[in-house]
Full PDB file with SEQRES, HELIX, SHEET, SSBOND, CRYST1, ORIGX, SCALE, CONECT and MASTER records, all heavy atoms in Angstrom:
SEQRES   1 A   43  PRO HIS ARG ASP ALA PHE PRO SER THR GLN HIS SER VAL          
SEQRES   2 A   43  GLU GLU SER ILE THR SER VAL HIS TRP MET GLU CYS ALA          
SEQRES   3 A   43  GLY ASP GLN LEU ARG PRO GLY VAL LEU ALA LYS ILE ASP          
SEQRES   4 A   43  VAL GLN GLY TYR                                              
HELIX    1 AA1 HIS A    2  ALA A    5  1                                   4    
HELIX    2 AA2 PRO A    7  THR A    9  5                                   3    
HELIX    3 AA3 TRP A   22  ALA A   26  1                                   5    
HELIX    4 AA4 GLY A   27  GLN A   29  5                                   3    
CRYST1    1.000    1.000    1.000  90.00  90.00  90.00 P 1           1          
ORIGX1      1.000000  0.000000  0.000000        0.00000                         
ORIGX2      0.000000  1.000000  0.000000        0.00000                         
ORIGX3      0.000000  0.000000  1.000000        0.00000                         
SCALE1      1.000000  0.000000  0.000000        0.00000                         
SCALE2      0.000000  1.000000  0.000000        0.00000                         
SCALE3      0.000000  0.000000  1.000000        0.00000                         
ATOM      1  N   PRO A   1       2.116   4.691 -19.833  1.00  0.00           N  
ATOM      2  CA  PRO A   1       2.758   3.456 -20.298  1.00  0.00           C  
ATOM      3  C   PRO A   1       2.166   2.207 -19.639  1.00  0.00           C  
ATOM      4  O   PRO A   1       1.998   1.171 -20.288  1.00  0.00           O  
ATOM      5  CB  PRO A   1       4.226   3.643 -19.917  1.00  0.00           C  
ATOM      6  CG  PRO A   1       4.416   5.124 -19.865  1.00  0.00           C  
ATOM      7  CD  PRO A   1       3.105   5.663 -19.342  1.00  0.00           C  
ATOM      8  N   HIS A   2       1.829   2.309 -18.351  1.00  0.00           N  
ATOM      9  CA  HIS A   2       1.232   1.158 -17.662  1.00  0.00           C  
ATOM     10  C   HIS A   2      -0.160   0.867 -18.221  1.00  0.00           C  
ATOM     11  O   HIS A   2      -0.503  -0.287 -18.511  1.00  0.00           O  
ATOM     12  CB  HIS A   2       1.151   1.429 -16.158  1.00  0.00           C  
ATOM     13  CG  HIS A   2       0.728   0.237 -15.364  1.00  0.00           C  
ATOM     14  ND1 HIS A   2       1.577  -0.447 -14.547  1.00  0.00           N  
ATOM     15  CD2 HIS A   2      -0.458  -0.401 -15.276  1.00  0.00           C  
ATOM     16  CE1 HIS A   2       0.937  -1.457 -13.980  1.00  0.00           C  
ATOM     17  NE2 HIS A   2      -0.311  -1.441 -14.410  1.00  0.00           N  
ATOM     18  N   ARG A   3      -0.968   1.919 -18.378  1.00  0.00           N  
ATOM     19  CA  ARG A   3      -2.322   1.731 -18.919  1.00  0.00           C  
ATOM     20  C   ARG A   3      -2.273   1.162 -20.332  1.00  0.00           C  
ATOM     21  O   ARG A   3      -3.093   0.324 -20.695  1.00  0.00           O  
ATOM     22  CB  ARG A   3      -3.088   3.057 -18.902  1.00  0.00           C  
ATOM     23  CG  ARG A   3      -3.468   3.526 -17.507  1.00  0.00           C  
ATOM     24  CD  ARG A   3      -4.444   4.702 -17.541  1.00  0.00           C  
ATOM     25  NE  ARG A   3      -4.086   5.763 -18.472  1.00  0.00           N  
ATOM     26  CZ  ARG A   3      -3.341   6.820 -18.162  1.00  0.00           C  
ATOM     27  NH1 ARG A   3      -2.851   6.959 -16.954  1.00  0.00           N  
ATOM     28  NH2 ARG A   3      -3.073   7.734 -19.069  1.00  0.00           N  
ATOM     29  N   ASP A   4      -1.304   1.625 -21.138  1.00  0.00           N  
ATOM     30  CA  ASP A   4      -1.181   1.115 -22.512  1.00  0.00           C  
ATOM     31  C   ASP A   4      -0.754  -0.357 -22.523  1.00  0.00           C  
ATOM     32  O   ASP A   4      -1.248  -1.142 -23.327  1.00  0.00           O  
ATOM     33  CB  ASP A   4      -0.164   1.941 -23.307  1.00  0.00           C  
ATOM     34  CG  ASP A   4      -0.666   3.342 -23.622  1.00  0.00           C  
ATOM     35  OD1 ASP A   4      -1.884   3.607 -23.451  1.00  0.00           O  
ATOM     36  OD2 ASP A   4       0.168   4.184 -24.009  1.00  0.00           O  
ATOM     37  N   ALA A   5       0.149  -0.725 -21.636  1.00  0.00           N  
ATOM     38  CA  ALA A   5       0.642  -2.109 -21.593  1.00  0.00           C  
ATOM     39  C   ALA A   5      -0.384  -3.068 -20.999  1.00  0.00           C  
ATOM     40  O   ALA A   5      -0.402  -4.251 -21.338  1.00  0.00           O  
ATOM     41  CB  ALA A   5       1.941  -2.171 -20.794  1.00  0.00           C  
ATOM     42  N   PHE A   6      -1.224  -2.559 -20.101  1.00  0.00           N  
ATOM     43  CA  PHE A   6      -2.213  -3.402 -19.426  1.00  0.00           C  
ATOM     44  C   PHE A   6      -3.592  -2.757 -19.581  1.00  0.00           C  
ATOM     45  O   PHE A   6      -4.031  -2.002 -18.712  1.00  0.00           O  
ATOM     46  CB  PHE A   6      -1.858  -3.566 -17.944  1.00  0.00           C  
ATOM     47  CG  PHE A   6      -0.502  -4.173 -17.729  1.00  0.00           C  
ATOM     48  CD1 PHE A   6       0.600  -3.361 -17.482  1.00  0.00           C  
ATOM     49  CD2 PHE A   6      -0.320  -5.546 -17.805  1.00  0.00           C  
ATOM     50  CE1 PHE A   6       1.855  -3.914 -17.297  1.00  0.00           C  
ATOM     51  CE2 PHE A   6       0.927  -6.106 -17.623  1.00  0.00           C  
ATOM     52  CZ  PHE A   6       2.026  -5.297 -17.373  1.00  0.00           C  
ATOM     53  N   PRO A   7      -4.268  -3.041 -20.681  1.00  0.00           N  
ATOM     54  CA  PRO A   7      -5.556  -2.394 -20.967  1.00  0.00           C  
ATOM     55  C   PRO A   7      -6.599  -2.549 -19.854  1.00  0.00           C  
ATOM     56  O   PRO A   7      -7.464  -1.698 -19.696  1.00  0.00           O  
ATOM     57  CB  PRO A   7      -6.026  -3.078 -22.248  1.00  0.00           C  
ATOM     58  CG  PRO A   7      -4.764  -3.545 -22.897  1.00  0.00           C  
ATOM     59  CD  PRO A   7      -3.852  -3.916 -21.765  1.00  0.00           C  
ATOM     60  N   SER A   8      -6.503  -3.594 -19.070  1.00  0.00           N  
ATOM     61  CA  SER A   8      -7.490  -3.791 -17.994  1.00  0.00           C  
ATOM     62  C   SER A   8      -7.355  -2.741 -16.885  1.00  0.00           C  
ATOM     63  O   SER A   8      -8.202  -2.659 -16.003  1.00  0.00           O  
ATOM     64  CB  SER A   8      -7.359  -5.190 -17.399  1.00  0.00           C  
ATOM     65  OG  SER A   8      -6.093  -5.336 -16.777  1.00  0.00           O  
ATOM     66  N   THR A   9      -6.287  -1.926 -16.945  1.00  0.00           N  
ATOM     67  CA  THR A   9      -6.073  -0.905 -15.910  1.00  0.00           C  
ATOM     68  C   THR A   9      -6.535   0.483 -16.365  1.00  0.00           C  
ATOM     69  O   THR A   9      -6.237   1.477 -15.708  1.00  0.00           O  
ATOM     70  CB  THR A   9      -4.585  -0.834 -15.502  1.00  0.00           C  
ATOM     71  OG1 THR A   9      -3.803  -0.401 -16.624  1.00  0.00           O  
ATOM     72  CG2 THR A   9      -4.080  -2.169 -14.996  1.00  0.00           C  
ATOM     73  N   GLN A  10      -7.261   0.558 -17.465  1.00  0.00           N  
ATOM     74  CA  GLN A  10      -7.663   1.849 -18.032  1.00  0.00           C  
ATOM     75  C   GLN A  10      -8.537   2.677 -17.101  1.00  0.00           C  
ATOM     76  O   GLN A  10      -8.423   3.886 -17.052  1.00  0.00           O  
ATOM     77  CB  GLN A  10      -8.415   1.643 -19.350  1.00  0.00           C  
ATOM     78  CG  GLN A  10      -7.562   1.122 -20.470  1.00  0.00           C  
ATOM     79  CD  GLN A  10      -6.483   2.105 -20.894  1.00  0.00           C  
ATOM     80  OE1 GLN A  10      -6.682   3.307 -20.921  1.00  0.00           O  
ATOM     81  NE2 GLN A  10      -5.320   1.590 -21.232  1.00  0.00           N  
ATOM     82  N   HIS A  11      -9.408   2.048 -16.343  1.00  0.00           N  
ATOM     83  CA  HIS A  11     -10.393   2.805 -15.561  1.00  0.00           C  
ATOM     84  C   HIS A  11     -10.076   2.787 -14.068  1.00  0.00           C  
ATOM     85  O   HIS A  11      -9.859   1.742 -13.481  1.00  0.00           O  
ATOM     86  CB  HIS A  11     -11.797   2.228 -15.791  1.00  0.00           C  
ATOM     87  CG  HIS A  11     -12.845   3.017 -15.079  1.00  0.00           C  
ATOM     88  ND1 HIS A  11     -13.380   2.626 -13.879  1.00  0.00           N  
ATOM     89  CD2 HIS A  11     -13.443   4.196 -15.393  1.00  0.00           C  
ATOM     90  CE1 HIS A  11     -14.263   3.521 -13.487  1.00  0.00           C  
ATOM     91  NE2 HIS A  11     -14.322   4.478 -14.386  1.00  0.00           N  
ATOM     92  N   SER A  12     -10.048   3.986 -13.501  1.00  0.00           N  
ATOM     93  CA  SER A  12      -9.893   4.098 -12.051  1.00  0.00           C  
ATOM     94  C   SER A  12     -10.705   5.277 -11.557  1.00  0.00           C  
ATOM     95  O   SER A  12     -11.068   6.168 -12.335  1.00  0.00           O  
ATOM     96  CB  SER A  12      -8.420   4.246 -11.653  1.00  0.00           C  
ATOM     97  OG  SER A  12      -7.900   5.448 -12.132  1.00  0.00           O  
ATOM     98  N   VAL A  13     -11.011   5.276 -10.277  1.00  0.00           N  
ATOM     99  CA  VAL A  13     -11.727   6.387  -9.659  1.00  0.00           C  
ATOM    100  C   VAL A  13     -10.924   6.873  -8.468  1.00  0.00           C  
ATOM    101  O   VAL A  13     -10.201   6.104  -7.831  1.00  0.00           O  
ATOM    102  CB  VAL A  13     -13.158   5.993  -9.209  1.00  0.00           C  
ATOM    103  CG1 VAL A  13     -14.027   5.653 -10.397  1.00  0.00           C  
ATOM    104  CG2 VAL A  13     -13.130   4.853  -8.227  1.00  0.00           C  
ATOM    105  N   GLU A  14     -11.019   8.168  -8.200  1.00  0.00           N  
ATOM    106  CA  GLU A  14     -10.337   8.736  -7.039  1.00  0.00           C  
ATOM    107  C   GLU A  14     -11.236   8.583  -5.821  1.00  0.00           C  
ATOM    108  O   GLU A  14     -12.449   8.786  -5.907  1.00  0.00           O  
ATOM    109  CB  GLU A  14     -10.005  10.200  -7.277  1.00  0.00           C  
ATOM    110  CG  GLU A  14      -8.940  10.392  -8.326  1.00  0.00           C  
ATOM    111  CD  GLU A  14      -8.528  11.839  -8.489  1.00  0.00           C  
ATOM    112  OE1 GLU A  14      -9.127  12.720  -7.833  1.00  0.00           O  
ATOM    113  OE2 GLU A  14      -7.613  12.093  -9.279  1.00  0.00           O  
ATOM    114  N   GLU A  15     -10.601   8.198  -4.720  1.00  0.00           N  
ATOM    115  CA  GLU A  15     -11.341   7.964  -3.487  1.00  0.00           C  
ATOM    116  C   GLU A  15     -10.556   8.572  -2.335  1.00  0.00           C  
ATOM    117  O   GLU A  15      -9.346   8.397  -2.248  1.00  0.00           O  
ATOM    118  CB  GLU A  15     -11.461   6.452  -3.309  1.00  0.00           C  
ATOM    119  CG  GLU A  15     -12.433   5.999  -2.294  1.00  0.00           C  
ATOM    120  CD  GLU A  15     -12.594   4.488  -2.361  1.00  0.00           C  
ATOM    121  OE1 GLU A  15     -13.181   3.990  -3.341  1.00  0.00           O  
ATOM    122  OE2 GLU A  15     -12.120   3.827  -1.434  1.00  0.00           O  
ATOM    123  N   SER A  16     -11.233   9.293  -1.469  1.00  0.00           N  
ATOM    124  CA  SER A  16     -10.568   9.876  -0.302  1.00  0.00           C  
ATOM    125  C   SER A  16     -10.328   8.800   0.745  1.00  0.00           C  
ATOM    126  O   SER A  16     -11.231   8.023   1.047  1.00  0.00           O  
ATOM    127  CB  SER A  16     -11.456  10.955   0.323  1.00  0.00           C  
ATOM    128  OG  SER A  16     -11.027  12.209  -0.054  1.00  0.00           O  
ATOM    129  N   ILE A  17      -9.099   8.760   1.277  1.00  0.00           N  
ATOM    130  CA  ILE A  17      -8.762   7.789   2.315  1.00  0.00           C  
ATOM    131  C   ILE A  17      -8.050   8.512   3.457  1.00  0.00           C  
ATOM    132  O   ILE A  17      -7.563   9.625   3.297  1.00  0.00           O  
ATOM    133  CB  ILE A  17      -7.870   6.649   1.784  1.00  0.00           C  
ATOM    134  CG1 ILE A  17      -6.541   7.201   1.266  1.00  0.00           C  
ATOM    135  CG2 ILE A  17      -8.597   5.840   0.711  1.00  0.00           C  
ATOM    136  CD1 ILE A  17      -5.487   6.157   1.041  1.00  0.00           C  
ATOM    137  N   THR A  18      -7.985   7.855   4.589  1.00  0.00           N  
ATOM    138  CA  THR A  18      -7.235   8.363   5.727  1.00  0.00           C  
ATOM    139  C   THR A  18      -5.937   7.582   5.809  1.00  0.00           C  
ATOM    140  O   THR A  18      -5.940   6.352   5.755  1.00  0.00           O  
ATOM    141  CB  THR A  18      -8.038   8.180   7.027  1.00  0.00           C  
ATOM    142  OG1 THR A  18      -9.255   8.903   6.891  1.00  0.00           O  
ATOM    143  CG2 THR A  18      -7.269   8.701   8.223  1.00  0.00           C  
ATOM    144  N   SER A  19      -4.848   8.287   5.943  1.00  0.00           N  
ATOM    145  CA  SER A  19      -3.536   7.657   6.041  1.00  0.00           C  
ATOM    146  C   SER A  19      -3.066   7.713   7.495  1.00  0.00           C  
ATOM    147  O   SER A  19      -3.207   8.738   8.156  1.00  0.00           O  
ATOM    148  CB  SER A  19      -2.548   8.416   5.150  1.00  0.00           C  
ATOM    149  OG  SER A  19      -1.236   7.934   5.333  1.00  0.00           O  
ATOM    150  N   VAL A  20      -2.531   6.592   7.983  1.00  0.00           N  
ATOM    151  CA  VAL A  20      -1.976   6.541   9.337  1.00  0.00           C  
ATOM    152  C   VAL A  20      -0.564   5.978   9.270  1.00  0.00           C  
ATOM    153  O   VAL A  20      -0.213   5.269   8.330  1.00  0.00           O  
ATOM    154  CB  VAL A  20      -2.837   5.691  10.303  1.00  0.00           C  
ATOM    155  CG1 VAL A  20      -4.219   6.285  10.481  1.00  0.00           C  
ATOM    156  CG2 VAL A  20      -2.917   4.257   9.846  1.00  0.00           C  
ATOM    157  N   HIS A  21       0.244   6.304  10.258  1.00  0.00           N  
ATOM    158  CA  HIS A  21       1.596   5.765  10.344  1.00  0.00           C  
ATOM    159  C   HIS A  21       1.495   4.250  10.546  1.00  0.00           C  
ATOM    160  O   HIS A  21       0.645   3.773  11.286  1.00  0.00           O  
ATOM    161  CB  HIS A  21       2.341   6.420  11.515  1.00  0.00           C  
ATOM    162  CG  HIS A  21       3.791   6.075  11.575  1.00  0.00           C  
ATOM    163  ND1 HIS A  21       4.242   4.934  12.173  1.00  0.00           N  
ATOM    164  CD2 HIS A  21       4.883   6.713  11.092  1.00  0.00           C  
ATOM    165  CE1 HIS A  21       5.557   4.877  12.077  1.00  0.00           C  
ATOM    166  NE2 HIS A  21       5.966   5.951  11.417  1.00  0.00           N  
ATOM    167  N   TRP A  22       2.359   3.504   9.890  1.00  0.00           N  
ATOM    168  CA  TRP A  22       2.256   2.047   9.933  1.00  0.00           C  
ATOM    169  C   TRP A  22       2.409   1.484  11.341  1.00  0.00           C  
ATOM    170  O   TRP A  22       1.859   0.443  11.667  1.00  0.00           O  
ATOM    171  CB  TRP A  22       3.228   1.395   8.958  1.00  0.00           C  
ATOM    172  CG  TRP A  22       4.672   1.503   9.314  1.00  0.00           C  
ATOM    173  CD1 TRP A  22       5.443   2.612   9.265  1.00  0.00           C  
ATOM    174  CD2 TRP A  22       5.501   0.462   9.775  1.00  0.00           C  
ATOM    175  NE1 TRP A  22       6.711   2.320   9.655  1.00  0.00           N  
ATOM    176  CE2 TRP A  22       6.789   0.999   9.969  1.00  0.00           C  
ATOM    177  CE3 TRP A  22       5.312  -0.897  10.030  1.00  0.00           C  
ATOM    178  CZ2 TRP A  22       7.850   0.259  10.420  1.00  0.00           C  
ATOM    179  CZ3 TRP A  22       6.384  -1.648  10.465  1.00  0.00           C  
ATOM    180  CH2 TRP A  22       7.632  -1.067  10.665  1.00  0.00           C  
ATOM    181  N   MET A  23       3.098   2.201  12.227  1.00  0.00           N  
ATOM    182  CA  MET A  23       3.229   1.728  13.604  1.00  0.00           C  
ATOM    183  C   MET A  23       1.878   1.759  14.323  1.00  0.00           C  
ATOM    184  O   MET A  23       1.658   0.996  15.252  1.00  0.00           O  
ATOM    185  CB  MET A  23       4.251   2.576  14.371  1.00  0.00           C  
ATOM    186  CG  MET A  23       5.688   2.328  13.942  1.00  0.00           C  
ATOM    187  SD  MET A  23       6.235   0.658  14.310  1.00  0.00           S  
ATOM    188  CE  MET A  23       6.280   0.725  16.094  1.00  0.00           C  
ATOM    189  N   GLU A  24       0.987   2.645  13.895  1.00  0.00           N  
ATOM    190  CA  GLU A  24      -0.351   2.677  14.488  1.00  0.00           C  
ATOM    191  C   GLU A  24      -1.135   1.425  14.118  1.00  0.00           C  
ATOM    192  O   GLU A  24      -2.030   1.013  14.853  1.00  0.00           O  
ATOM    193  CB  GLU A  24      -1.102   3.929  14.050  1.00  0.00           C  
ATOM    194  CG  GLU A  24      -0.495   5.210  14.592  1.00  0.00           C  
ATOM    195  CD  GLU A  24      -1.183   6.450  14.053  1.00  0.00           C  
ATOM    196  OE1 GLU A  24      -2.426   6.444  13.945  1.00  0.00           O  
ATOM    197  OE2 GLU A  24      -0.478   7.413  13.744  1.00  0.00           O  
ATOM    198  N   CYS A  25      -0.811   0.835  12.988  1.00  0.00           N  
ATOM    199  CA  CYS A  25      -1.483  -0.399  12.563  1.00  0.00           C  
ATOM    200  C   CYS A  25      -0.842  -1.631  13.204  1.00  0.00           C  
ATOM    201  O   CYS A  25      -1.533  -2.532  13.655  1.00  0.00           O  
ATOM    202  CB  CYS A  25      -1.413  -0.547  11.047  1.00  0.00           C  
ATOM    203  SG  CYS A  25      -2.267   0.745  10.160  1.00  0.00           S  
ATOM    204  N   ALA A  26       0.478  -1.660  13.231  1.00  0.00           N  
ATOM    205  CA  ALA A  26       1.202  -2.835  13.716  1.00  0.00           C  
ATOM    206  C   ALA A  26       1.363  -2.833  15.230  1.00  0.00           C  
ATOM    207  O   ALA A  26       1.350  -3.885  15.872  1.00  0.00           O  
ATOM    208  CB  ALA A  26       2.569  -2.911  13.045  1.00  0.00           C  
ATOM    209  N   GLY A  27       1.547  -1.635  15.778  1.00  0.00           N  
ATOM    210  CA  GLY A  27       1.660  -1.492  17.233  1.00  0.00           C  
ATOM    211  C   GLY A  27       2.671  -2.414  17.869  1.00  0.00           C  
ATOM    212  O   GLY A  27       3.795  -2.550  17.401  1.00  0.00           O  
ATOM    213  N   ASP A  28       2.254  -3.093  18.908  1.00  0.00           N  
ATOM    214  CA  ASP A  28       3.175  -3.929  19.692  1.00  0.00           C  
ATOM    215  C   ASP A  28       3.476  -5.264  19.035  1.00  0.00           C  
ATOM    216  O   ASP A  28       4.203  -6.078  19.586  1.00  0.00           O  
ATOM    217  CB  ASP A  28       2.640  -4.128  21.106  1.00  0.00           C  
ATOM    218  CG  ASP A  28       1.290  -4.828  21.127  1.00  0.00           C  
ATOM    219  OD1 ASP A  28       0.717  -5.061  20.044  1.00  0.00           O  
ATOM    220  OD2 ASP A  28       0.814  -5.131  22.241  1.00  0.00           O  
ATOM    221  N   GLN A  29       2.921  -5.532  17.858  1.00  0.00           N  
ATOM    222  CA  GLN A  29       3.224  -6.783  17.165  1.00  0.00           C  
ATOM    223  C   GLN A  29       4.633  -6.773  16.586  1.00  0.00           C  
ATOM    224  O   GLN A  29       5.178  -7.815  16.270  1.00  0.00           O  
ATOM    225  CB  GLN A  29       2.210  -7.032  16.053  1.00  0.00           C  
ATOM    226  CG  GLN A  29       0.801  -7.237  16.568  1.00  0.00           C  
ATOM    227  CD  GLN A  29      -0.166  -7.424  15.428  1.00  0.00           C  
ATOM    228  OE1 GLN A  29       0.127  -8.086  14.451  1.00  0.00           O  
ATOM    229  NE2 GLN A  29      -1.342  -6.819  15.553  1.00  0.00           N  
ATOM    230  N   LEU A  30       5.199  -5.572  16.418  1.00  0.00           N  
ATOM    231  CA  LEU A  30       6.550  -5.470  15.880  1.00  0.00           C  
ATOM    232  C   LEU A  30       7.546  -5.455  17.027  1.00  0.00           C  
ATOM    233  O   LEU A  30       7.603  -4.528  17.810  1.00  0.00           O  
ATOM    234  CB  LEU A  30       6.699  -4.204  15.031  1.00  0.00           C  
ATOM    235  CG  LEU A  30       5.926  -4.221  13.732  1.00  0.00           C  
ATOM    236  CD1 LEU A  30       6.134  -2.921  12.983  1.00  0.00           C  
ATOM    237  CD2 LEU A  30       6.339  -5.397  12.868  1.00  0.00           C  
ATOM    238  N   ARG A  31       8.285  -6.512  17.124  1.00  0.00           N  
ATOM    239  CA  ARG A  31       9.317  -6.635  18.145  1.00  0.00           C  
ATOM    240  C   ARG A  31      10.526  -7.251  17.479  1.00  0.00           C  
ATOM    241  O   ARG A  31      10.433  -7.708  16.340  1.00  0.00           O  
ATOM    242  CB  ARG A  31       8.799  -7.457  19.316  1.00  0.00           C  
ATOM    243  CG  ARG A  31       8.278  -8.814  18.929  1.00  0.00           C  
ATOM    244  CD  ARG A  31       7.476  -9.468  20.059  1.00  0.00           C  
ATOM    245  NE  ARG A  31       6.953 -10.738  19.647  1.00  0.00           N  
ATOM    246  CZ  ARG A  31       5.884 -10.917  18.863  1.00  0.00           C  
ATOM    247  NH1 ARG A  31       5.227  -9.897  18.409  1.00  0.00           N  
ATOM    248  NH2 ARG A  31       5.491 -12.111  18.521  1.00  0.00           N  
ATOM    249  N   PRO A  32      11.677  -7.256  18.118  1.00  0.00           N  
ATOM    250  CA  PRO A  32      12.879  -7.817  17.477  1.00  0.00           C  
ATOM    251  C   PRO A  32      12.615  -9.209  16.908  1.00  0.00           C  
ATOM    252  O   PRO A  32      11.977 -10.045  17.549  1.00  0.00           O  
ATOM    253  CB  PRO A  32      13.893  -7.851  18.614  1.00  0.00           C  
ATOM    254  CG  PRO A  32      13.459  -6.747  19.533  1.00  0.00           C  
ATOM    255  CD  PRO A  32      11.953  -6.754  19.463  1.00  0.00           C  
ATOM    256  N   GLY A  33      13.068  -9.404  15.685  1.00  0.00           N  
ATOM    257  CA  GLY A  33      12.927 -10.703  15.028  1.00  0.00           C  
ATOM    258  C   GLY A  33      11.667 -10.857  14.194  1.00  0.00           C  
ATOM    259  O   GLY A  33      11.471 -11.873  13.546  1.00  0.00           O  
ATOM    260  N   VAL A  34      10.799  -9.851  14.183  1.00  0.00           N  
ATOM    261  CA  VAL A  34       9.571  -9.909  13.384  1.00  0.00           C  
ATOM    262  C   VAL A  34       9.829  -9.183  12.070  1.00  0.00           C  
ATOM    263  O   VAL A  34      10.389  -8.091  12.055  1.00  0.00           O  
ATOM    264  CB  VAL A  34       8.388  -9.258  14.138  1.00  0.00           C  
ATOM    265  CG1 VAL A  34       7.181  -9.120  13.229  1.00  0.00           C  
ATOM    266  CG2 VAL A  34       8.038 -10.074  15.366  1.00  0.00           C  
ATOM    267  N   LEU A  35       9.441  -9.808  10.970  1.00  0.00           N  
ATOM    268  CA  LEU A  35       9.628  -9.217   9.648  1.00  0.00           C  
ATOM    269  C   LEU A  35       8.324  -8.579   9.192  1.00  0.00           C  
ATOM    270  O   LEU A  35       7.272  -9.207   9.242  1.00  0.00           O  
ATOM    271  CB  LEU A  35      10.034 -10.298   8.639  1.00  0.00           C  
ATOM    272  CG  LEU A  35      10.101  -9.868   7.174  1.00  0.00           C  
ATOM    273  CD1 LEU A  35      11.229  -8.867   6.957  1.00  0.00           C  
ATOM    274  CD2 LEU A  35      10.265 -11.078   6.279  1.00  0.00           C  
ATOM    275  N   ALA A  36       8.387  -7.336   8.792  1.00  0.00           N  
ATOM    276  CA  ALA A  36       7.229  -6.650   8.224  1.00  0.00           C  
ATOM    277  C   ALA A  36       7.534  -6.369   6.762  1.00  0.00           C  
ATOM    278  O   ALA A  36       8.555  -5.771   6.441  1.00  0.00           O  
ATOM    279  CB  ALA A  36       6.954  -5.350   8.966  1.00  0.00           C  
ATOM    280  N   LYS A  37       6.672  -6.830   5.877  1.00  0.00           N  
ATOM    281  CA  LYS A  37       6.845  -6.596   4.446  1.00  0.00           C  
ATOM    282  C   LYS A  37       5.837  -5.536   4.011  1.00  0.00           C  
ATOM    283  O   LYS A  37       4.682  -5.592   4.387  1.00  0.00           O  
ATOM    284  CB  LYS A  37       6.591  -7.880   3.662  1.00  0.00           C  
ATOM    285  CG  LYS A  37       6.740  -7.682   2.163  1.00  0.00           C  
ATOM    286  CD  LYS A  37       6.324  -8.942   1.426  1.00  0.00           C  
ATOM    287  CE  LYS A  37       6.499  -8.801  -0.061  1.00  0.00           C  
ATOM    288  NZ  LYS A  37       5.674  -7.795  -0.691  1.00  0.00           N  
ATOM    289  N   ILE A  38       6.319  -4.569   3.238  1.00  0.00           N  
ATOM    290  CA  ILE A  38       5.405  -3.565   2.714  1.00  0.00           C  
ATOM    291  C   ILE A  38       5.316  -3.720   1.203  1.00  0.00           C  
ATOM    292  O   ILE A  38       6.302  -3.982   0.525  1.00  0.00           O  
ATOM    293  CB  ILE A  38       5.821  -2.120   3.094  1.00  0.00           C  
ATOM    294  CG1 ILE A  38       7.216  -1.799   2.562  1.00  0.00           C  
ATOM    295  CG2 ILE A  38       5.743  -1.909   4.580  1.00  0.00           C  
ATOM    296  CD1 ILE A  38       7.587  -0.346   2.694  1.00  0.00           C  
ATOM    297  N   ASP A  39       4.119  -3.590   0.682  1.00  0.00           N  
ATOM    298  CA  ASP A  39       3.881  -3.630  -0.756  1.00  0.00           C  
ATOM    299  C   ASP A  39       2.820  -2.581  -1.021  1.00  0.00           C  
ATOM    300  O   ASP A  39       1.633  -2.819  -0.830  1.00  0.00           O  
ATOM    301  CB  ASP A  39       3.402  -5.016  -1.182  1.00  0.00           C  
ATOM    302  CG  ASP A  39       3.229  -5.115  -2.685  1.00  0.00           C  
ATOM    303  OD1 ASP A  39       3.458  -4.106  -3.389  1.00  0.00           O  
ATOM    304  OD2 ASP A  39       2.851  -6.191  -3.171  1.00  0.00           O  
ATOM    305  N   VAL A  40       3.270  -1.405  -1.379  1.00  0.00           N  
ATOM    306  CA  VAL A  40       2.365  -0.262  -1.466  1.00  0.00           C  
ATOM    307  C   VAL A  40       2.375   0.396  -2.848  1.00  0.00           C  
ATOM    308  O   VAL A  40       2.212   1.604  -2.974  1.00  0.00           O  
ATOM    309  CB  VAL A  40       2.668   0.763  -0.344  1.00  0.00           C  
ATOM    310  CG1 VAL A  40       2.252   0.219   1.003  1.00  0.00           C  
ATOM    311  CG2 VAL A  40       4.138   1.154  -0.325  1.00  0.00           C  
ATOM    312  N   GLN A  41       2.554  -0.436  -3.875  1.00  0.00           N  
ATOM    313  CA  GLN A  41       2.402   0.026  -5.253  1.00  0.00           C  
ATOM    314  C   GLN A  41       3.201   1.268  -5.590  1.00  0.00           C  
ATOM    315  O   GLN A  41       2.668   2.260  -6.055  1.00  0.00           O  
ATOM    316  CB  GLN A  41       0.928   0.266  -5.563  1.00  0.00           C  
ATOM    317  CG  GLN A  41       0.032  -0.946  -5.404  1.00  0.00           C  
ATOM    318  CD  GLN A  41       0.433  -2.100  -6.266  1.00  0.00           C  
ATOM    319  OE1 GLN A  41       1.142  -2.974  -5.804  1.00  0.00           O  
ATOM    320  NE2 GLN A  41       0.024  -2.123  -7.503  1.00  0.00           N  
ATOM    321  N   GLY A  42       4.497   1.252  -5.336  1.00  0.00           N  
ATOM    322  CA  GLY A  42       5.356   2.368  -5.709  1.00  0.00           C  
ATOM    323  C   GLY A  42       5.471   3.458  -4.661  1.00  0.00           C  
ATOM    324  O   GLY A  42       6.204   4.418  -4.843  1.00  0.00           O  
ATOM    325  N   TYR A  43       4.778   3.323  -3.542  1.00  0.00           N  
ATOM    326  CA  TYR A  43       4.770   4.354  -2.507  1.00  0.00           C  
ATOM    327  C   TYR A  43       5.740   4.022  -1.368  1.00  0.00           C  
ATOM    328  O   TYR A  43       5.715   4.636  -0.307  1.00  0.00           O  
ATOM    329  CB  TYR A  43       3.334   4.502  -1.975  1.00  0.00           C  
ATOM    330  CG  TYR A  43       3.008   5.879  -1.463  1.00  0.00           C  
ATOM    331  CD1 TYR A  43       2.937   6.975  -2.316  1.00  0.00           C  
ATOM    332  CD2 TYR A  43       2.769   6.082  -0.119  1.00  0.00           C  
ATOM    333  CE1 TYR A  43       2.629   8.236  -1.833  1.00  0.00           C  
ATOM    334  CE2 TYR A  43       2.464   7.344   0.376  1.00  0.00           C  
ATOM    335  CZ  TYR A  43       2.402   8.413  -0.492  1.00  0.00           C  
ATOM    336  OH  TYR A  43       2.103   9.657  -0.013  1.00  0.00           O  
TER     337      TYR A  43                                                      
MASTER        0    0    0    4    0    0    0    6  336    1    0    4          
END                                                                             
């Protein structure tokens, strides 16, 4: 349905990636009062 509604999304390729826990990326930057927004395309 998404591909049909948005023809520009017809082509994609599979790519191997490494996944890490988000705390490994943010580390000590996350402390009380800090807002972290996630936008991970349905994930």
